[in-house]
Amino acid sequence: MVDNIARWVLSLLIGTVAVGQFVQVFTRYVLQTPVMGLEEATMYPSLWLFMLGAANASRENTQIRANVLEIFIKSEAGHARLGVLTEIVSLVVSCWLAWWAWDFTRYSWRTWRESATLYWPTFWADIALLSGLVLAILFTVRTLLGHMRVLAGPGAPRHG
């Protein structure tokens, strides 16, 4: 179910951004009459697309990585240990960024800025940052627990 919701929301966002960009290019370069505020309006779905796309990469565990160490590690337990380490680092960085995003969200709520042309509250675009980071943190925790289950499973080396 989460897969279907994520696929639907991301498809809707990318479709909205693509249509907005097409209209802007067509009206600006073919009709020689740009649509005022369209770029500003596409900022909202664009930011949500970027942040929910990043959260989706965490959900699918498909972030771009430089997994050089995986070449040298041969055992499943070694891969799980490396996974635990990388997910902990990801969590620390993500939590730090989420802390800053929380401060930014509070600032955005307090100032209630408006966009320059359309006078839309920018809060609805700004909140995408915190939302995406919180989702990414939750999915990273899920992946971390999966690596830990592998280490704790049958046949896992016991040190003691």
C-alpha atoms as a PDB file:
ATOM      1  CA  MET A   1       0.000   0.000   0.000  1.00  0.00           C
ATOM      2  CA  VAL A   2       2.849   2.419   0.857  1.00  0.00           C
ATOM      3  CA  ASP A   3       4.387   1.600  -2.537  1.00  0.00           C
ATOM      4  CA  ASN A   4       1.178   2.563  -4.325  1.00  0.00           C
ATOM      5  CA  ILE A   5       0.755   5.801  -2.372  1.00  0.00           C
ATOM      6  CA  ALA A   6       4.386   6.793  -2.942  1.00  0.00           C
ATOM      7  CA  ARG A   7       4.157   5.956  -6.642  1.00  0.00           C
ATOM      8  CA  TRP A   8       0.902   7.911  -7.027  1.00  0.00           C
ATOM      9  CA  VAL A   9       2.076  11.007  -5.131  1.00  0.00           C
ATOM     10  CA  LEU A  10       5.458  11.140  -6.871  1.00  0.00           C
ATOM     11  CA  SER A  11       3.844  10.608 -10.275  1.00  0.00           C
ATOM     12  CA  LEU A  12       1.358  13.396  -9.608  1.00  0.00           C
ATOM     13  CA  LEU A  13       4.138  15.751  -8.509  1.00  0.00           C
ATOM     14  CA  ILE A  14       6.422  14.992 -11.442  1.00  0.00           C
ATOM     15  CA  GLY A  15       3.498  15.335 -13.836  1.00  0.00           C
ATOM     16  CA  THR A  16       2.569  18.694 -12.345  1.00  0.00           C
ATOM     17  CA  VAL A  17       6.143  19.980 -12.592  1.00  0.00           C
ATOM     18  CA  ALA A  18       6.506  18.674 -16.155  1.00  0.00           C
ATOM     19  CA  VAL A  19       3.253  20.282 -17.323  1.00  0.00           C
ATOM     20  CA  GLY A  20       4.186  23.558 -15.637  1.00  0.00           C
ATOM     21  CA  GLN A  21       7.594  23.594 -17.303  1.00  0.00           C
ATOM     22  CA  PHE A  22       6.102  22.686 -20.683  1.00  0.00           C
ATOM     23  CA  VAL A  23       3.549  25.488 -20.460  1.00  0.00           C
ATOM     24  CA  GLN A  24       6.229  27.962 -19.412  1.00  0.00           C
ATOM     25  CA  VAL A  25       8.581  26.985 -22.262  1.00  0.00           C
ATOM     26  CA  PHE A  26       5.754  26.975 -24.821  1.00  0.00           C
ATOM     27  CA  THR A  27       4.336  30.330 -23.806  1.00  0.00           C
ATOM     28  CA  ARG A  28       7.735  31.990 -23.393  1.00  0.00           C
ATOM     29  CA  TYR A  29       9.485  30.757 -26.547  1.00  0.00           C
ATOM     30  CA  VAL A  30       6.647  29.968 -28.943  1.00  0.00           C
ATOM     31  CA  LEU A  31       4.021  32.535 -27.993  1.00  0.00           C
ATOM     32  CA  GLN A  32       6.609  35.074 -26.743  1.00  0.00           C
ATOM     33  CA  THR A  33       4.374  35.703 -23.687  1.00  0.00           C
ATOM     34  CA  PRO A  34       5.555  34.131 -20.434  1.00  0.00           C
ATOM     35  CA  VAL A  35       2.977  33.240 -17.815  1.00  0.00           C
ATOM     36  CA  MET A  36       3.740  35.396 -14.802  1.00  0.00           C
ATOM     37  CA  GLY A  37       3.989  33.415 -11.576  1.00  0.00           C
ATOM     38  CA  LEU A  38       4.138  29.986 -13.190  1.00  0.00           C
ATOM     39  CA  GLU A  39       7.751  29.397 -12.168  1.00  0.00           C
ATOM     40  CA  GLU A  40       6.831  30.472  -8.661  1.00  0.00           C
ATOM     41  CA  ALA A  41       3.848  28.127  -8.636  1.00  0.00           C
ATOM     42  CA  THR A  42       5.933  25.156  -9.805  1.00  0.00           C
ATOM     43  CA  MET A  43       8.350  25.764  -6.918  1.00  0.00           C
ATOM     44  CA  TYR A  44       5.839  24.162  -4.529  1.00  0.00           C
ATOM     45  CA  PRO A  45       5.430  20.788  -6.250  1.00  0.00           C
ATOM     46  CA  SER A  46       9.146  20.829  -7.185  1.00  0.00           C
ATOM     47  CA  LEU A  47      10.288  21.089  -3.576  1.00  0.00           C
ATOM     48  CA  TRP A  48       7.839  18.406  -2.490  1.00  0.00           C
ATOM     49  CA  LEU A  49       9.018  16.218  -5.382  1.00  0.00           C
ATOM     50  CA  PHE A  50      12.683  16.613  -4.391  1.00  0.00           C
ATOM     51  CA  MET A  51      12.118  15.886  -0.712  1.00  0.00           C
ATOM     52  CA  LEU A  52       9.601  13.065  -1.129  1.00  0.00           C
ATOM     53  CA  GLY A  53      11.833  11.596  -3.837  1.00  0.00           C
ATOM     54  CA  ALA A  54      14.728  11.568  -1.362  1.00  0.00           C
ATOM     55  CA  ALA A  55      12.483   9.944   1.252  1.00  0.00           C
ATOM     56  CA  ASN A  56      11.408   7.399  -1.361  1.00  0.00           C
ATOM     57  CA  ALA A  57      15.056   6.560  -2.070  1.00  0.00           C
ATOM     58  CA  SER A  58      15.449   5.888   1.660  1.00  0.00           C
ATOM     59  CA  ARG A  59      12.292   3.764   1.628  1.00  0.00           C
ATOM     60  CA  GLU A  60      13.572   1.698  -1.288  1.00  0.00           C
ATOM     61  CA  ASN A  61      17.161   1.810   0.032  1.00  0.00           C
ATOM     62  CA  THR A  62      18.329   3.016  -3.391  1.00  0.00           C
ATOM     63  CA  GLN A  63      20.362   6.087  -2.478  1.00  0.00           C
ATOM     64  CA  ILE A  64      23.505   6.707  -4.477  1.00  0.00           C
ATOM     65  CA  ARG A  65      26.450   5.188  -2.615  1.00  0.00           C
ATOM     66  CA  ALA A  66      30.121   4.528  -3.076  1.00  0.00           C
ATOM     67  CA  ASN A  67      30.193   0.951  -1.802  1.00  0.00           C
ATOM     68  CA  VAL A  68      33.873   0.242  -2.264  1.00  0.00           C
ATOM     69  CA  LEU A  69      34.116  -1.651   1.029  1.00  0.00           C
ATOM     70  CA  GLU A  70      31.442  -4.127  -0.062  1.00  0.00           C
ATOM     71  CA  ILE A  71      33.865  -5.477  -2.655  1.00  0.00           C
ATOM     72  CA  PHE A  72      36.282  -6.571   0.057  1.00  0.00           C
ATOM     73  CA  ILE A  73      33.709  -7.879   2.532  1.00  0.00           C
ATOM     74  CA  LYS A  74      32.730 -11.457   1.774  1.00  0.00           C
ATOM     75  CA  SER A  75      30.347 -12.484   4.569  1.00  0.00           C
ATOM     76  CA  GLU A  76      26.716 -11.575   5.042  1.00  0.00           C
ATOM     77  CA  ALA A  77      27.457 -10.588   8.643  1.00  0.00           C
ATOM     78  CA  GLY A  78      30.217  -8.262   7.413  1.00  0.00           C
ATOM     79  CA  HIS A  79      27.805  -6.638   4.993  1.00  0.00           C
ATOM     80  CA  ALA A  80      25.277  -6.267   7.805  1.00  0.00           C
ATOM     81  CA  ARG A  81      27.895  -4.660  10.079  1.00  0.00           C
ATOM     82  CA  LEU A  82      28.826  -2.233   7.313  1.00  0.00           C
ATOM     83  CA  GLY A  83      25.109  -1.572   6.782  1.00  0.00           C
ATOM     84  CA  VAL A  84      24.661  -0.800  10.478  1.00  0.00           C
ATOM     85  CA  LEU A  85      27.580   1.609  10.388  1.00  0.00           C
ATOM     86  CA  THR A  86      26.395   3.410   7.264  1.00  0.00           C
ATOM     87  CA  GLU A  87      22.810   3.665   8.516  1.00  0.00           C
ATOM     88  CA  ILE A  88      23.995   5.088  11.840  1.00  0.00           C
ATOM     89  CA  VAL A  89      26.036   7.714  10.017  1.00  0.00           C
ATOM     90  CA  SER A  90      23.003   8.455   7.817  1.00  0.00           C
ATOM     91  CA  LEU A  91      20.819   8.791  10.902  1.00  0.00           C
ATOM     92  CA  VAL A  92      23.216  11.174  12.625  1.00  0.00           C
ATOM     93  CA  VAL A  93      23.459  13.404   9.554  1.00  0.00           C
ATOM     94  CA  SER A  94      19.709  13.211   8.863  1.00  0.00           C
ATOM     95  CA  CYS A  95      18.806  14.026  12.464  1.00  0.00           C
ATOM     96  CA  TRP A  96      21.196  16.977  12.435  1.00  0.00           C
ATOM     97  CA  LEU A  97      19.628  18.257   9.192  1.00  0.00           C
ATOM     98  CA  ALA A  98      16.131  17.647  10.576  1.00  0.00           C
ATOM     99  CA  TRP A  99      17.030  19.730  13.633  1.00  0.00           C
ATOM    100  CA  TRP A 100      17.973  22.616  11.346  1.00  0.00           C
ATOM    101  CA  ALA A 101      14.874  22.003   9.222  1.00  0.00           C
ATOM    102  CA  TRP A 102      12.746  22.160  12.379  1.00  0.00           C
ATOM    103  CA  ASP A 103      14.260  25.566  13.221  1.00  0.00           C
ATOM    104  CA  PHE A 104      13.614  26.719   9.662  1.00  0.00           C
ATOM    105  CA  THR A 105      10.027  25.437   9.811  1.00  0.00           C
ATOM    106  CA  ARG A 106       9.399  27.329  13.057  1.00  0.00           C
ATOM    107  CA  TYR A 107      10.866  30.461  11.466  1.00  0.00           C
ATOM    108  CA  SER A 108       8.725  29.976   8.366  1.00  0.00           C
ATOM    109  CA  TRP A 109       5.600  29.554  10.492  1.00  0.00           C
ATOM    110  CA  ARG A 110       6.441  32.602  12.620  1.00  0.00           C
ATOM    111  CA  THR A 111       7.182  34.942   9.691  1.00  0.00           C
ATOM    112  CA  TRP A 112       4.555  33.533   7.301  1.00  0.00           C
ATOM    113  CA  ARG A 113       6.369  34.889   4.250  1.00  0.00           C
ATOM    114  CA  GLU A 114       4.593  35.135   0.934  1.00  0.00           C
ATOM    115  CA  SER A 115       5.854  34.481  -2.571  1.00  0.00           C
ATOM    116  CA  ALA A 116       6.808  37.548  -4.584  1.00  0.00           C
ATOM    117  CA  THR A 117       4.295  37.342  -7.433  1.00  0.00           C
ATOM    118  CA  LEU A 118       1.393  35.167  -6.328  1.00  0.00           C
ATOM    119  CA  TYR A 119       1.518  36.053  -2.616  1.00  0.00           C
ATOM    120  CA  TRP A 120       1.169  32.386  -1.665  1.00  0.00           C
ATOM    121  CA  PRO A 121       2.476  31.416   1.781  1.00  0.00           C
ATOM    122  CA  THR A 122       5.923  29.915   1.303  1.00  0.00           C
ATOM    123  CA  PHE A 123       5.370  27.810   4.436  1.00  0.00           C
ATOM    124  CA  TRP A 124       3.685  25.145   2.285  1.00  0.00           C
ATOM    125  CA  ALA A 125       6.881  24.751   0.262  1.00  0.00           C
ATOM    126  CA  ASP A 126       9.196  25.189   3.254  1.00  0.00           C
ATOM    127  CA  ILE A 127       7.563  22.373   5.231  1.00  0.00           C
ATOM    128  CA  ALA A 128       8.594  19.916   2.504  1.00  0.00           C
ATOM    129  CA  LEU A 129      12.152  19.971   3.844  1.00  0.00           C
ATOM    130  CA  LEU A 130      11.203  18.822   7.337  1.00  0.00           C
ATOM    131  CA  SER A 131       8.622  16.340   6.047  1.00  0.00           C
ATOM    132  CA  GLY A 132      11.063  14.676   3.664  1.00  0.00           C
ATOM    133  CA  LEU A 133      13.783  14.455   6.309  1.00  0.00           C
ATOM    134  CA  VAL A 134      11.452  12.946   8.915  1.00  0.00           C
ATOM    135  CA  LEU A 135      10.294  10.322   6.423  1.00  0.00           C
ATOM    136  CA  ALA A 136      13.889   9.581   5.416  1.00  0.00           C
ATOM    137  CA  ILE A 137      14.820   9.144   9.087  1.00  0.00           C
ATOM    138  CA  LEU A 138      11.962   6.695   9.631  1.00  0.00           C
ATOM    139  CA  PHE A 139      12.937   4.644   6.585  1.00  0.00           C
ATOM    140  CA  THR A 140      16.602   4.709   7.599  1.00  0.00           C
ATOM    141  CA  VAL A 141      15.672   3.396  11.050  1.00  0.00           C
ATOM    142  CA  ARG A 142      13.723   0.597   9.362  1.00  0.00           C
ATOM    143  CA  THR A 143      16.754  -0.313   7.218  1.00  0.00           C
ATOM    144  CA  LEU A 144      19.041  -0.153  10.269  1.00  0.00           C
ATOM    145  CA  LEU A 145      16.762  -2.546  12.168  1.00  0.00           C
ATOM    146  CA  GLY A 146      16.847  -4.901   9.192  1.00  0.00           C
ATOM    147  CA  HIS A 147      20.654  -4.990   9.283  1.00  0.00           C
ATOM    148  CA  MET A 148      20.560  -5.563  13.019  1.00  0.00           C
ATOM    149  CA  ARG A 149      18.121  -8.471  12.575  1.00  0.00           C
ATOM    150  CA  VAL A 150      20.567 -10.066  10.145  1.00  0.00           C
ATOM    151  CA  LEU A 151      23.313  -9.770  12.745  1.00  0.00           C
ATOM    152  CA  ALA A 152      21.113 -11.162  15.502  1.00  0.00           C
ATOM    153  CA  GLY A 153      19.690 -13.972  13.367  1.00  0.00           C
ATOM    154  CA  PRO A 154      20.639 -17.656  13.466  1.00  0.00           C
ATOM    155  CA  GLY A 155      24.257 -18.264  12.617  1.00  0.00           C
ATOM    156  CA  ALA A 156      25.264 -14.762  13.656  1.00  0.00           C
ATOM    157  CA  PRO A 157      28.650 -14.742  15.359  1.00  0.00           C
ATOM    158  CA  ARG A 158      28.358 -14.548  19.138  1.00  0.00           C
ATOM    159  CA  HIS A 159      31.062 -12.713  20.989  1.00  0.00           C
ATOM    160  CA  GLY A 160      31.132 -12.875  24.687  1.00  0.00           C
END
